[in-house]
Amino acid sequence: MTAGTKYVVMFKPSTKPEVVQDVTNQIIQAGGSVKPGGSTTIIWISAVIPDSFVSSLGSNAHIESIENDGPVTTQHSH
């Protein structure tokens, strides 16, 4: 597997499961790995994506956003 960065890939609400599977397959073929995400109100996957492939995914019309995966907080520390 190629080195990459861990991302959360968010899909637009109208995205069909086949499209999510196609993107998953593309990431794997590029040398990445994918963990299933959610598919109820928010459609997303968690993936390690080779750095050279991230920009290719950004042009996919079904993808809402690609963000670095990491801890999420709801409170600001003071």
PDB file of N, CA and C in Angstrom:
ATOM      1  N   MET A   1       0.834  -1.182   0.000  1.00  0.00           N
ATOM      2  CA  MET A   1       0.000   0.000   0.000  1.00  0.00           C
ATOM      3  C   MET A   1       0.880   1.246   0.000  1.00  0.00           C
ATOM      4  N   THR A   2       0.468   2.229  -0.755  1.00  0.00           N
ATOM      5  CA  THR A   2       1.167   3.502  -0.838  1.00  0.00           C
ATOM      6  C   THR A   2       0.886   4.324   0.416  1.00  0.00           C
ATOM      7  N   ALA A   3       1.873   5.104   0.838  1.00  0.00           N
ATOM      8  CA  ALA A   3       1.660   5.986   1.988  1.00  0.00           C
ATOM      9  C   ALA A   3       0.585   7.007   1.656  1.00  0.00           C
ATOM     10  N   GLY A   4      -0.168   7.377   2.650  1.00  0.00           N
ATOM     11  CA  GLY A   4      -1.207   8.359   2.420  1.00  0.00           C
ATOM     12  C   GLY A   4      -1.610   8.999   3.729  1.00  0.00           C
ATOM     13  N   THR A   5      -2.631   9.804   3.653  1.00  0.00           N
ATOM     14  CA  THR A   5      -3.152  10.526   4.797  1.00  0.00           C
ATOM     15  C   THR A   5      -4.572  10.044   5.044  1.00  0.00           C
ATOM     16  N   LYS A   6      -4.989  10.034   6.310  1.00  0.00           N
ATOM     17  CA  LYS A   6      -6.330   9.582   6.650  1.00  0.00           C
ATOM     18  C   LYS A   6      -7.318  10.738   6.478  1.00  0.00           C
ATOM     19  N   TYR A   7      -8.383  10.472   5.738  1.00  0.00           N
ATOM     20  CA  TYR A   7      -9.405  11.469   5.438  1.00  0.00           C
ATOM     21  C   TYR A   7     -10.793  10.931   5.734  1.00  0.00           C
ATOM     22  N   VAL A   8     -11.737  11.852   5.900  1.00  0.00           N
ATOM     23  CA  VAL A   8     -13.155  11.530   5.886  1.00  0.00           C
ATOM     24  C   VAL A   8     -13.686  12.126   4.593  1.00  0.00           C
ATOM     25  N   VAL A   9     -14.297  11.268   3.774  1.00  0.00           N
ATOM     26  CA  VAL A   9     -14.860  11.705   2.493  1.00  0.00           C
ATOM     27  C   VAL A   9     -16.374  11.779   2.671  1.00  0.00           C
ATOM     28  N   MET A  10     -16.920  12.976   2.521  1.00  0.00           N
ATOM     29  CA  MET A  10     -18.359  13.203   2.671  1.00  0.00           C
ATOM     30  C   MET A  10     -18.981  13.311   1.278  1.00  0.00           C
ATOM     31  N   PHE A  11     -20.081  12.585   1.088  1.00  0.00           N
ATOM     32  CA  PHE A  11     -20.787  12.598  -0.186  1.00  0.00           C
ATOM     33  C   PHE A  11     -22.033  13.461  -0.097  1.00  0.00           C
ATOM     34  N   LYS A  12     -22.477  13.955  -1.239  1.00  0.00           N
ATOM     35  CA  LYS A  12     -23.713  14.740  -1.283  1.00  0.00           C
ATOM     36  C   LYS A  12     -24.883  13.819  -0.919  1.00  0.00           C
ATOM     37  N   PRO A  13     -25.938  14.377  -0.317  1.00  0.00           N
ATOM     38  CA  PRO A  13     -27.060  13.557   0.161  1.00  0.00           C
ATOM     39  C   PRO A  13     -27.712  12.670  -0.905  1.00  0.00           C
ATOM     40  N   SER A  14     -27.711  13.083  -2.139  1.00  0.00           N
ATOM     41  CA  SER A  14     -28.376  12.319  -3.205  1.00  0.00           C
ATOM     42  C   SER A  14     -27.500  11.218  -3.803  1.00  0.00           C
ATOM     43  N   THR A  15     -26.307  11.023  -3.282  1.00  0.00           N
ATOM     44  CA  THR A  15     -25.375  10.048  -3.840  1.00  0.00           C
ATOM     45  C   THR A  15     -25.881   8.620  -3.647  1.00  0.00           C
ATOM     46  N   LYS A  16     -25.857   7.849  -4.724  1.00  0.00           N
ATOM     47  CA  LYS A  16     -26.310   6.459  -4.688  1.00  0.00           C
ATOM     48  C   LYS A  16     -25.209   5.550  -4.153  1.00  0.00           C
ATOM     49  N   PRO A  17     -25.583   4.441  -3.531  1.00  0.00           N
ATOM     50  CA  PRO A  17     -24.594   3.503  -2.987  1.00  0.00           C
ATOM     51  C   PRO A  17     -23.566   3.023  -4.014  1.00  0.00           C
ATOM     52  N   GLU A  18     -23.973   2.882  -5.272  1.00  0.00           N
ATOM     53  CA  GLU A  18     -23.046   2.435  -6.315  1.00  0.00           C
ATOM     54  C   GLU A  18     -21.911   3.432  -6.516  1.00  0.00           C
ATOM     55  N   VAL A  19     -22.225   4.711  -6.374  1.00  0.00           N
ATOM     56  CA  VAL A  19     -21.209   5.761  -6.531  1.00  0.00           C
ATOM     57  C   VAL A  19     -20.210   5.683  -5.377  1.00  0.00           C
ATOM     58  N   VAL A  20     -20.715   5.492  -4.164  1.00  0.00           N
ATOM     59  CA  VAL A  20     -19.833   5.370  -2.998  1.00  0.00           C
ATOM     60  C   VAL A  20     -18.926   4.156  -3.184  1.00  0.00           C
ATOM     61  N   GLN A  21     -19.476   3.045  -3.681  1.00  0.00           N
ATOM     62  CA  GLN A  21     -18.677   1.850  -3.912  1.00  0.00           C
ATOM     63  C   GLN A  21     -17.630   2.092  -4.997  1.00  0.00           C
ATOM     64  N   ASP A  22     -17.991   2.834  -6.022  1.00  0.00           N
ATOM     65  CA  ASP A  22     -17.045   3.149  -7.098  1.00  0.00           C
ATOM     66  C   ASP A  22     -15.877   3.978  -6.571  1.00  0.00           C
ATOM     67  N   VAL A  23     -16.168   4.984  -5.749  1.00  0.00           N
ATOM     68  CA  VAL A  23     -15.110   5.810  -5.153  1.00  0.00           C
ATOM     69  C   VAL A  23     -14.235   4.944  -4.240  1.00  0.00           C
ATOM     70  N   THR A  24     -14.873   4.076  -3.459  1.00  0.00           N
ATOM     71  CA  THR A  24     -14.134   3.151  -2.593  1.00  0.00           C
ATOM     72  C   THR A  24     -13.167   2.310  -3.415  1.00  0.00           C
ATOM     73  N   ASN A  25     -13.651   1.756  -4.520  1.00  0.00           N
ATOM     74  CA  ASN A  25     -12.805   0.938  -5.397  1.00  0.00           C
ATOM     75  C   ASN A  25     -11.648   1.751  -5.981  1.00  0.00           C
ATOM     76  N   GLN A  26     -11.915   2.999  -6.363  1.00  0.00           N
ATOM     77  CA  GLN A  26     -10.865   3.865  -6.915  1.00  0.00           C
ATOM     78  C   GLN A  26      -9.764   4.112  -5.888  1.00  0.00           C
ATOM     79  N   ILE A  27     -10.154   4.350  -4.644  1.00  0.00           N
ATOM     80  CA  ILE A  27      -9.174   4.602  -3.584  1.00  0.00           C
ATOM     81  C   ILE A  27      -8.310   3.356  -3.376  1.00  0.00           C
ATOM     82  N   ILE A  28      -8.939   2.196  -3.334  1.00  0.00           N
ATOM     83  CA  ILE A  28      -8.205   0.943  -3.143  1.00  0.00           C
ATOM     84  C   ILE A  28      -7.266   0.677  -4.320  1.00  0.00           C
ATOM     85  N   GLN A  29      -7.751   0.900  -5.542  1.00  0.00           N
ATOM     86  CA  GLN A  29      -6.912   0.699  -6.733  1.00  0.00           C
ATOM     87  C   GLN A  29      -5.726   1.655  -6.747  1.00  0.00           C
ATOM     88  N   ALA A  30      -5.878   2.831  -6.124  1.00  0.00           N
ATOM     89  CA  ALA A  30      -4.787   3.808  -6.075  1.00  0.00           C
ATOM     90  C   ALA A  30      -3.797   3.482  -4.960  1.00  0.00           C
ATOM     91  N   GLY A  31      -4.097   2.419  -4.183  1.00  0.00           N
ATOM     92  CA  GLY A  31      -3.181   2.016  -3.123  1.00  0.00           C
ATOM     93  C   GLY A  31      -3.625   2.418  -1.729  1.00  0.00           C
ATOM     94  N   GLY A  32      -4.824   2.941  -1.604  1.00  0.00           N
ATOM     95  CA  GLY A  32      -5.334   3.354  -0.310  1.00  0.00           C
ATOM     96  C   GLY A  32      -6.124   2.250   0.370  1.00  0.00           C
ATOM     97  N   SER A  33      -6.754   2.593   1.475  1.00  0.00           N
ATOM     98  CA  SER A  33      -7.624   1.663   2.190  1.00  0.00           C
ATOM     99  C   SER A  33      -8.847   2.425   2.665  1.00  0.00           C
ATOM    100  N   VAL A  34      -9.945   1.698   2.840  1.00  0.00           N
ATOM    101  CA  VAL A  34     -11.210   2.339   3.173  1.00  0.00           C
ATOM    102  C   VAL A  34     -11.906   1.576   4.296  1.00  0.00           C
ATOM    103  N   LYS A  35     -12.479   2.336   5.235  1.00  0.00           N
ATOM    104  CA  LYS A  35     -13.347   1.765   6.261  1.00  0.00           C
ATOM    105  C   LYS A  35     -14.743   2.315   5.995  1.00  0.00           C
ATOM    106  N   PRO A  36     -15.762   1.459   6.071  1.00  0.00           N
ATOM    107  CA  PRO A  36     -17.127   1.944   5.834  1.00  0.00           C
ATOM    108  C   PRO A  36     -17.484   3.048   6.819  1.00  0.00           C
ATOM    109  N   GLY A  37     -18.311   3.945   6.365  1.00  0.00           N
ATOM    110  CA  GLY A  37     -18.747   5.046   7.212  1.00  0.00           C
ATOM    111  C   GLY A  37     -20.239   4.965   7.433  1.00  0.00           C
ATOM    112  N   GLY A  38     -20.899   6.081   7.295  1.00  0.00           N
ATOM    113  CA  GLY A  38     -22.334   6.142   7.517  1.00  0.00           C
ATOM    114  C   GLY A  38     -23.093   6.238   6.220  1.00  0.00           C
ATOM    115  N   SER A  39     -24.348   5.822   6.270  1.00  0.00           N
ATOM    116  CA  SER A  39     -25.153   5.896   5.053  1.00  0.00           C
ATOM    117  C   SER A  39     -26.609   6.209   5.366  1.00  0.00           C
ATOM    118  N   THR A  40     -26.860   6.887   6.468  1.00  0.00           N
ATOM    119  CA  THR A  40     -28.236   7.255   6.763  1.00  0.00           C
ATOM    120  C   THR A  40     -28.475   8.682   6.289  1.00  0.00           C
ATOM    121  N   THR A  41     -28.367   9.648   7.154  1.00  0.00           N
ATOM    122  CA  THR A  41     -28.552  11.038   6.724  1.00  0.00           C
ATOM    123  C   THR A  41     -27.291  11.617   6.124  1.00  0.00           C
ATOM    124  N   ILE A  42     -26.147  11.208   6.646  1.00  0.00           N
ATOM    125  CA  ILE A  42     -24.866  11.687   6.128  1.00  0.00           C
ATOM    126  C   ILE A  42     -24.130  10.490   5.534  1.00  0.00           C
ATOM    127  N   ILE A  43     -23.753  10.609   4.285  1.00  0.00           N
ATOM    128  CA  ILE A  43     -23.055   9.528   3.600  1.00  0.00           C
ATOM    129  C   ILE A  43     -21.565   9.845   3.620  1.00  0.00           C
ATOM    130  N   TRP A  44     -20.757   8.954   4.228  1.00  0.00           N
ATOM    131  CA  TRP A  44     -19.327   9.213   4.352  1.00  0.00           C
ATOM    132  C   TRP A  44     -18.554   7.909   4.443  1.00  0.00           C
ATOM    133  N   ILE A  45     -17.256   8.004   4.163  1.00  0.00           N
ATOM    134  CA  ILE A  45     -16.318   6.908   4.376  1.00  0.00           C
ATOM    135  C   ILE A  45     -15.068   7.487   5.009  1.00  0.00           C
ATOM    136  N   SER A  46     -14.353   6.645   5.726  1.00  0.00           N
ATOM    137  CA  SER A  46     -13.053   7.006   6.279  1.00  0.00           C
ATOM    138  C   SER A  46     -12.023   6.274   5.446  1.00  0.00           C
ATOM    139  N   ALA A  47     -11.008   6.959   4.971  1.00  0.00           N
ATOM    140  CA  ALA A  47     -10.059   6.326   4.066  1.00  0.00           C
ATOM    141  C   ALA A  47      -8.651   6.871   4.239  1.00  0.00           C
ATOM    142  N   VAL A  48      -7.678   5.994   4.037  1.00  0.00           N
ATOM    143  CA  VAL A  48      -6.291   6.425   3.889  1.00  0.00           C
ATOM    144  C   VAL A  48      -6.093   6.551   2.382  1.00  0.00           C
ATOM    145  N   ILE A  49      -5.838   7.758   1.939  1.00  0.00           N
ATOM    146  CA  ILE A  49      -5.766   8.046   0.499  1.00  0.00           C
ATOM    147  C   ILE A  49      -4.364   8.506   0.152  1.00  0.00           C
ATOM    148  N   PRO A  50      -3.756   7.876  -0.868  1.00  0.00           N
ATOM    149  CA  PRO A  50      -2.435   8.340  -1.300  1.00  0.00           C
ATOM    150  C   PRO A  50      -2.489   9.831  -1.634  1.00  0.00           C
ATOM    151  N   ASP A  51      -1.482  10.553  -1.192  1.00  0.00           N
ATOM    152  CA  ASP A  51      -1.440  12.002  -1.409  1.00  0.00           C
ATOM    153  C   ASP A  51      -1.618  12.374  -2.874  1.00  0.00           C
ATOM    154  N   SER A  52      -1.096  11.552  -3.765  1.00  0.00           N
ATOM    155  CA  SER A  52      -1.173  11.853  -5.197  1.00  0.00           C
ATOM    156  C   SER A  52      -2.580  11.649  -5.768  1.00  0.00           C
ATOM    157  N   PHE A  53      -3.488  11.027  -5.009  1.00  0.00           N
ATOM    158  CA  PHE A  53      -4.827  10.721  -5.515  1.00  0.00           C
ATOM    159  C   PHE A  53      -5.910  11.638  -4.950  1.00  0.00           C
ATOM    160  N   VAL A  54      -5.611  12.368  -3.891  1.00  0.00           N
ATOM    161  CA  VAL A  54      -6.620  13.210  -3.236  1.00  0.00           C
ATOM    162  C   VAL A  54      -7.209  14.232  -4.208  1.00  0.00           C
ATOM    163  N   SER A  55      -6.390  14.885  -4.983  1.00  0.00           N
ATOM    164  CA  SER A  55      -6.899  15.910  -5.906  1.00  0.00           C
ATOM    165  C   SER A  55      -7.818  15.312  -6.963  1.00  0.00           C
ATOM    166  N   SER A  56      -7.581  14.070  -7.355  1.00  0.00           N
ATOM    167  CA  SER A  56      -8.463  13.409  -8.324  1.00  0.00           C
ATOM    168  C   SER A  56      -9.867  13.245  -7.755  1.00  0.00           C
ATOM    169  N   LEU A  57      -9.955  12.908  -6.484  1.00  0.00           N
ATOM    170  CA  LEU A  57     -11.266  12.745  -5.862  1.00  0.00           C
ATOM    171  C   LEU A  57     -11.988  14.074  -5.730  1.00  0.00           C
ATOM    172  N   GLY A  58     -11.247  15.144  -5.549  1.00  0.00           N
ATOM    173  CA  GLY A  58     -11.846  16.464  -5.379  1.00  0.00           C
ATOM    174  C   GLY A  58     -12.675  16.907  -6.563  1.00  0.00           C
ATOM    175  N   SER A  59     -12.437  16.333  -7.734  1.00  0.00           N
ATOM    176  CA  SER A  59     -13.191  16.718  -8.925  1.00  0.00           C
ATOM    177  C   SER A  59     -14.452  15.879  -9.116  1.00  0.00           C
ATOM    178  N   ASN A  60     -14.703  14.918  -8.220  1.00  0.00           N
ATOM    179  CA  ASN A  60     -15.882  14.071  -8.316  1.00  0.00           C
ATOM    180  C   ASN A  60     -17.108  14.881  -7.891  1.00  0.00           C
ATOM    181  N   ALA A  61     -18.105  14.973  -8.773  1.00  0.00           N
ATOM    182  CA  ALA A  61     -19.292  15.791  -8.529  1.00  0.00           C
ATOM    183  C   ALA A  61     -20.140  15.296  -7.359  1.00  0.00           C
ATOM    184  N   HIS A  62     -19.970  14.044  -6.943  1.00  0.00           N
ATOM    185  CA  HIS A  62     -20.769  13.478  -5.859  1.00  0.00           C
ATOM    186  C   HIS A  62     -20.155  13.716  -4.484  1.00  0.00           C
ATOM    187  N   ILE A  63     -18.918  14.179  -4.454  1.00  0.00           N
ATOM    188  CA  ILE A  63     -18.229  14.371  -3.179  1.00  0.00           C
ATOM    189  C   ILE A  63     -18.440  15.798  -2.683  1.00  0.00           C
ATOM    190  N   GLU A  64     -18.974  15.895  -1.476  1.00  0.00           N
ATOM    191  CA  GLU A  64     -19.237  17.198  -0.852  1.00  0.00           C
ATOM    192  C   GLU A  64     -17.947  17.789  -0.291  1.00  0.00           C
ATOM    193  N   SER A  65     -17.145  16.954   0.417  1.00  0.00           N
ATOM    194  CA  SER A  65     -15.903  17.447   0.992  1.00  0.00           C
ATOM    195  C   SER A  65     -14.969  16.287   1.315  1.00  0.00           C
ATOM    196  N   ILE A  66     -13.682  16.623   1.412  1.00  0.00           N
ATOM    197  CA  ILE A  66     -12.652  15.681   1.833  1.00  0.00           C
ATOM    198  C   ILE A  66     -11.869  16.402   2.920  1.00  0.00           C
ATOM    199  N   GLU A  67     -11.928  15.852   4.136  1.00  0.00           N
ATOM    200  CA  GLU A  67     -11.286  16.524   5.265  1.00  0.00           C
ATOM    201  C   GLU A  67     -10.351  15.573   5.986  1.00  0.00           C
ATOM    202  N   ASN A  68      -9.280  16.117   6.541  1.00  0.00           N
ATOM    203  CA  ASN A  68      -8.376  15.294   7.348  1.00  0.00           C
ATOM    204  C   ASN A  68      -9.162  14.671   8.481  1.00  0.00           C
ATOM    205  N   ASP A  69      -8.929  13.390   8.714  1.00  0.00           N
ATOM    206  CA  ASP A  69      -9.592  12.686   9.800  1.00  0.00           C
ATOM    207  C   ASP A  69      -8.828  12.922  11.088  1.00  0.00           C
ATOM    208  N   GLY A  70      -9.534  13.154  12.154  1.00  0.00           N
ATOM    209  CA  GLY A  70      -8.904  13.377  13.444  1.00  0.00           C
ATOM    210  C   GLY A  70      -9.956  13.600  14.498  1.00  0.00           C
ATOM    211  N   PRO A  71      -9.538  13.854  15.707  1.00  0.00           N
ATOM    212  CA  PRO A  71     -10.485  14.072  16.790  1.00  0.00           C
ATOM    213  C   PRO A  71     -11.389  15.273  16.518  1.00  0.00           C
ATOM    214  N   VAL A  72     -12.634  15.135  16.912  1.00  0.00           N
ATOM    215  CA  VAL A  72     -13.602  16.219  16.768  1.00  0.00           C
ATOM    216  C   VAL A  72     -14.030  16.624  18.175  1.00  0.00           C
ATOM    217  N   THR A  73     -14.038  17.933  18.419  1.00  0.00           N
ATOM    218  CA  THR A  73     -14.476  18.410  19.723  1.00  0.00           C
ATOM    219  C   THR A  73     -15.650  19.368  19.549  1.00  0.00           C
ATOM    220  N   THR A  74     -16.448  19.483  20.588  1.00  0.00           N
ATOM    221  CA  THR A  74     -17.586  20.403  20.542  1.00  0.00           C
ATOM    222  C   THR A  74     -17.408  21.568  21.496  1.00  0.00           C
ATOM    223  N   GLN A  75     -16.310  21.562  22.245  1.00  0.00           N
ATOM    224  CA  GLN A  75     -16.056  22.638  23.192  1.00  0.00           C
ATOM    225  C   GLN A  75     -14.674  23.221  22.946  1.00  0.00           C
ATOM    226  N   HIS A  76     -14.566  24.508  23.113  1.00  0.00           N
ATOM    227  CA  HIS A  76     -13.283  25.174  22.994  1.00  0.00           C
ATOM    228  C   HIS A  76     -12.583  25.143  24.339  1.00  0.00           C
ATOM    229  N   SER A  77     -11.304  24.897  24.342  1.00  0.00           N
ATOM    230  CA  SER A  77     -10.575  24.950  25.612  1.00  0.00           C
ATOM    231  C   SER A  77     -10.204  26.404  25.913  1.00  0.00           C
ATOM    232  N   HIS A  78     -10.239  26.745  27.140  1.00  0.00           N
ATOM    233  CA  HIS A  78      -9.952  28.136  27.534  1.00  0.00           C
ATOM    234  C   HIS A  78      -8.647  28.234  28.238  1.00  0.00           C
TER     235      HIS A  78
END
